[in-house]
Protein backbone atom coordinates (compact mmCIF):
# COMPACT_ATOMS: atom_id res chain seq x y z
CA UNK A 1 -38.00 8.14 12.88
CA UNK A 2 -36.21 5.35 11.10
CA UNK A 3 -33.35 3.47 12.78
CA UNK A 4 -30.02 5.06 11.82
CA UNK A 5 -27.66 2.09 11.44
CA UNK A 6 -26.96 -0.08 8.40
CA UNK A 7 -24.81 -3.14 9.15
CA UNK A 8 -22.68 -4.43 6.27
CA UNK A 9 -20.96 -7.82 6.37
CA UNK A 10 -18.70 -9.15 3.59
CA UNK A 11 -18.77 -12.95 3.29
CA UNK A 12 -17.06 -15.77 1.43
CA UNK A 13 -17.93 -19.30 2.58
CA UNK A 14 -18.72 -17.91 6.01
CA UNK A 15 -21.39 -20.38 7.10
CA UNK A 16 -19.35 -21.56 10.09
CA UNK A 17 -18.82 -18.15 11.69
CA UNK A 18 -21.75 -16.09 10.41
CA UNK A 19 -24.40 -17.36 12.88
CA UNK A 20 -22.47 -16.10 15.93
CA UNK A 21 -21.80 -12.79 14.18
CA UNK A 22 -25.49 -12.36 13.39
CA UNK A 23 -26.58 -13.50 16.85
CA UNK A 24 -24.82 -10.56 18.47
CA UNK A 25 -26.78 -8.17 16.26
CA UNK A 26 -30.06 -9.08 18.00
CA UNK A 27 -29.14 -6.60 20.73
CA UNK A 28 -29.13 -3.80 18.16
CA UNK A 29 -32.51 -4.85 16.80
CA UNK A 30 -33.98 -4.87 20.30
CA UNK A 31 -32.51 -1.41 20.93
CA UNK A 32 -34.08 -0.15 17.70
CA UNK A 33 -30.88 1.16 16.15
CA UNK A 34 -30.49 -1.26 13.21
CA UNK A 35 -32.34 -0.21 10.09
CA UNK A 36 -31.04 -2.96 7.81
CA UNK A 37 -28.50 -5.72 7.43
CA UNK A 38 -26.63 -6.09 4.15
CA UNK A 39 -24.57 -9.20 3.44
CA UNK A 40 -22.23 -8.75 0.47
CA UNK A 41 -21.04 -12.11 -0.73
CA UNK A 42 -18.07 -12.98 -2.90
CA UNK A 43 -19.43 -16.20 -4.41
CA UNK A 44 -19.88 -18.58 -1.47
CA UNK A 45 -20.49 -22.25 -2.20
CA UNK A 46 -21.58 -23.20 1.32
CA UNK A 47 -24.73 -22.26 3.26
CA UNK A 48 -23.85 -18.57 3.61
CA UNK A 49 -26.67 -17.38 1.36
CA UNK A 50 -29.26 -19.50 3.19
CA UNK A 51 -28.15 -18.16 6.56
CA UNK A 52 -28.28 -14.59 5.23
CA UNK A 53 -31.77 -15.02 3.82
CA UNK A 54 -33.05 -16.63 7.02
CA UNK A 55 -31.79 -13.62 8.95
CA UNK A 56 -33.77 -11.24 6.76
CA UNK A 57 -30.65 -9.61 5.34
CA UNK A 58 -30.38 -7.87 2.01
CA UNK A 59 -28.12 -10.25 0.06
CA UNK A 60 -25.91 -8.98 -2.76
CA UNK A 61 -23.28 -10.99 -4.61
CA UNK A 62 -20.28 -10.20 -6.77
CA UNK A 63 -16.66 -11.03 -7.35
CA UNK A 64 -14.55 -11.97 -4.28
CA UNK A 65 -12.76 -8.76 -3.33
CA UNK A 66 -13.00 -7.47 0.23
CA UNK A 67 -12.93 -3.81 -0.80
CA UNK A 68 -15.34 -4.36 -3.68
CA UNK A 69 -17.73 -6.35 -1.52
CA UNK A 70 -17.78 -3.67 1.18
CA UNK A 71 -18.36 -0.94 -1.40
CA UNK A 72 -21.16 -2.97 -2.97
CA UNK A 73 -22.76 -3.52 0.44
CA UNK A 74 -22.60 0.18 1.26
CA UNK A 75 -24.22 1.02 -2.08
CA UNK A 76 -27.03 -1.46 -1.39
CA UNK A 77 -27.77 0.07 2.02
CA UNK A 78 -30.77 2.40 2.07
CA UNK A 79 -30.04 4.21 5.32
CA UNK A 80 -30.17 7.75 3.96
CA UNK A 81 -27.73 10.65 4.12
CA UNK A 82 -28.05 11.05 7.90
CA UNK A 83 -27.41 7.39 8.64
CA UNK A 84 -24.42 5.44 9.87
CA UNK A 85 -22.65 2.36 8.50
CA UNK A 86 -21.20 -0.44 10.62
CA UNK A 87 -18.78 -2.61 8.65
CA UNK A 88 -18.43 -5.95 10.38
CA UNK A 89 -16.42 -9.06 9.46
CA UNK A 90 -18.32 -12.34 9.44
CA UNK A 91 -15.94 -13.93 11.97
CA UNK A 92 -16.18 -11.02 14.42
CA UNK A 93 -18.67 -10.96 17.30
CA UNK A 94 -19.79 -7.71 18.88
CA UNK A 95 -19.67 -7.55 22.71
CA UNK A 96 -22.61 -7.37 25.08
CA UNK A 97 -23.60 -3.74 25.49
CA UNK A 98 -22.40 -2.71 22.04
CA UNK A 99 -25.75 -1.22 21.02
CA UNK A 100 -25.71 1.37 23.81
CA UNK A 101 -22.13 2.36 22.97
CA UNK A 102 -22.92 2.75 19.28
CA UNK A 103 -26.16 4.64 19.91
CA UNK A 104 -24.41 7.04 22.28
CA UNK A 105 -21.64 7.63 19.74
CA UNK A 106 -24.07 8.27 16.89
CA UNK A 107 -25.95 10.82 19.01
CA UNK A 108 -23.01 12.69 20.54
CA UNK A 109 -20.13 12.37 18.05
CA UNK A 110 -19.37 12.63 14.36
CA UNK A 111 -15.99 10.88 14.24
CA UNK A 112 -15.68 7.40 12.79
CA UNK A 113 -15.22 4.80 15.53
CA UNK A 114 -13.99 1.26 16.07
CA UNK A 115 -13.83 -1.36 18.81
CA UNK A 116 -10.77 -2.73 20.54
CA UNK A 117 -9.69 -6.13 19.25
CA UNK A 118 -9.62 -9.44 21.13
CA UNK A 119 -9.41 -13.05 19.92
CA UNK A 120 -11.46 -16.10 20.81
CA UNK A 121 -8.28 -17.76 22.08
CA UNK A 122 -6.26 -17.67 25.29
CA UNK A 123 -2.55 -17.33 25.87
CA UNK A 124 0.20 -14.80 25.42
CA UNK A 125 0.32 -14.77 21.62
CA UNK A 126 -3.32 -13.69 21.13
CA UNK A 127 -2.87 -10.95 23.70
CA UNK A 128 0.29 -9.67 21.99
CA UNK A 129 -1.23 -9.63 18.51
CA UNK A 130 -4.40 -7.94 19.75
CA UNK A 131 -2.33 -5.49 21.78
CA UNK A 132 -0.36 -4.46 18.71
CA UNK A 133 -3.57 -4.02 16.71
CA UNK A 134 -5.06 -1.79 19.38
CA UNK A 135 -1.83 0.22 19.68
CA UNK A 136 -1.66 0.67 15.89
CA UNK A 137 -5.24 1.90 15.85
CA UNK A 138 -4.69 4.34 18.71
CA UNK A 139 -1.33 5.77 17.61
CA UNK A 140 -1.77 5.84 13.86
CA UNK A 141 -5.55 5.91 13.42
CA UNK A 142 -5.45 2.63 11.45
CA UNK A 143 -7.94 0.12 12.83
CA UNK A 144 -8.57 -2.90 10.63
CA UNK A 145 -11.93 -4.21 9.51
CA UNK A 146 -11.97 -6.96 12.14
CA UNK A 147 -12.36 -4.21 14.75
CA UNK A 148 -15.83 -3.29 13.39
CA UNK A 149 -15.75 0.12 11.72
CA UNK A 150 -18.54 2.62 12.50
CA UNK A 151 -18.67 5.48 9.99
CA UNK A 152 -21.30 8.09 9.23
CA UNK A 153 -22.55 7.93 5.67
CA UNK A 154 -21.40 11.53 5.17
CA UNK A 155 -17.84 10.71 6.22
CA UNK A 156 -17.86 7.53 4.14
CA UNK A 157 -18.87 9.42 1.02
CA UNK A 158 -16.42 12.27 1.68
CA UNK A 159 -13.60 9.70 1.86
CA UNK A 160 -14.64 8.13 -1.44
CA UNK A 161 -15.79 4.85 0.11
CA UNK A 162 -13.94 1.57 0.07
CA UNK A 163 -11.65 1.12 -2.95
CA UNK A 164 -12.16 -2.08 -4.95
CA UNK A 165 -8.96 -3.77 -3.85
CA UNK A 166 -8.47 -7.27 -2.40
CA UNK A 167 -6.31 -6.24 0.56
CA UNK A 168 -5.66 -3.16 2.71
CA UNK A 169 -9.09 -1.73 1.84
CA UNK A 170 -9.64 -0.80 5.48
CA UNK A 171 -6.30 1.01 5.73
CA UNK A 172 -7.04 2.86 2.47
CA UNK A 173 -10.38 4.09 3.82
CA UNK A 174 -8.97 5.09 7.21
CA UNK A 175 -6.25 7.17 5.52
CA UNK A 176 -8.84 8.89 3.32
CA UNK A 177 -11.12 9.91 6.20
CA UNK A 178 -11.25 13.60 7.00
CA UNK A 179 -11.58 12.96 10.76
CA UNK A 180 -9.57 10.57 12.89
CA UNK A 181 -11.37 7.44 14.16
CA UNK A 182 -11.86 7.00 17.90
CA UNK A 183 -12.07 3.84 19.99
CA UNK A 184 -15.28 2.68 21.65
CA UNK A 185 -14.92 1.35 25.20
CA UNK A 186 -15.38 -2.35 24.45
CA UNK A 187 -13.69 -5.18 22.56
CA UNK A 188 -15.02 -7.29 19.72
CA UNK A 189 -13.98 -10.94 19.62
CA UNK A 190 -12.51 -12.17 16.35
CA UNK A 191 -11.80 -15.73 15.27
CA UNK A 192 -8.24 -16.90 15.84
CA UNK A 193 -8.55 -19.75 13.31
CA UNK A 194 -6.28 -18.24 10.66
CA UNK A 195 -3.59 -17.39 13.21
CA UNK A 196 -3.74 -20.84 14.75
CA UNK A 197 -3.45 -22.43 11.33
CA UNK A 198 -0.36 -20.52 10.17
CA UNK A 199 1.17 -19.56 13.54
CA UNK A 200 0.70 -16.41 15.57
CA UNK A 201 4.17 -14.95 15.06
CA UNK A 202 4.33 -15.91 11.40
CA UNK A 203 0.95 -14.44 10.52
CA UNK A 204 1.39 -11.41 12.74
CA UNK A 205 4.77 -10.68 11.18
CA UNK A 206 3.38 -11.16 7.68
CA UNK A 207 0.51 -8.78 8.43
CA UNK A 208 2.93 -6.11 9.65
CA UNK A 209 5.22 -6.54 6.65
CA UNK A 210 2.23 -6.32 4.30
CA UNK A 211 1.10 -3.08 5.96
CA UNK A 212 4.59 -1.56 5.68
CA UNK A 213 4.83 -2.49 1.99
CA UNK A 214 1.40 -1.02 1.31
CA UNK A 215 2.22 2.25 3.09
CA UNK A 216 5.33 2.52 0.93
CA UNK A 217 3.30 2.19 -2.26
CA UNK A 218 3.13 -1.53 -3.09
CA UNK A 219 0.24 -2.58 -5.34
CA UNK A 220 -2.61 -4.13 -3.25
CA UNK A 221 -3.25 -6.81 -5.89
CA UNK A 222 0.39 -7.91 -5.81
CA UNK A 223 0.30 -7.84 -2.01
CA UNK A 224 -2.81 -10.03 -2.03
CA UNK A 225 -1.17 -12.62 -4.27
CA UNK A 226 1.91 -12.68 -2.05
CA UNK A 227 -0.20 -12.80 1.11
CA UNK A 228 -2.22 -15.79 -0.07
CA UNK A 229 0.95 -17.71 -0.92
């Protein structure tokens, strides 16, 4: 019986963070649950492609759009109708013991799932931002992509897959799912670099304001342009 899990990672100049992300996947290979790794790149100019090829990943490339890259990666995966998809950001590291949690979920449940969020930084601000993210996911069923999204291929297809939009692609998919996602009992660790660069409160507030605008109908492309400024 073939391994059930296809891991999909979108990248864009991710050479600095990708090795740690990939290193955590070894546990899944040893447990025999990973069928394939697909890295969907948005036109990197650093060593991302070399790292992907050295890892034995399927490497696909296209225009830089998070939603489009994720959709492209899912299309390239060959896991079959009964398989599962794990969408993982390149700056997110899965925790020790993740393979057993994921295998147990795939065997016993059908709901989409996600991990709790933590940052690779200490202090009050990282705890507050992560706490809000985990509360948002639990109360509203809206985990973000940096929480590692585990979705059966059947549920993914029924929801229409990731839309080709540059921002809020994870929220769009979560809202389209027919079943509510559930939390797995562990936390992934995500890079705090972007928060430390722009400020925890500033970036956290901007993320919340962007989510509110999107939920009230703002165009994701316009939101992306505003977000990058």
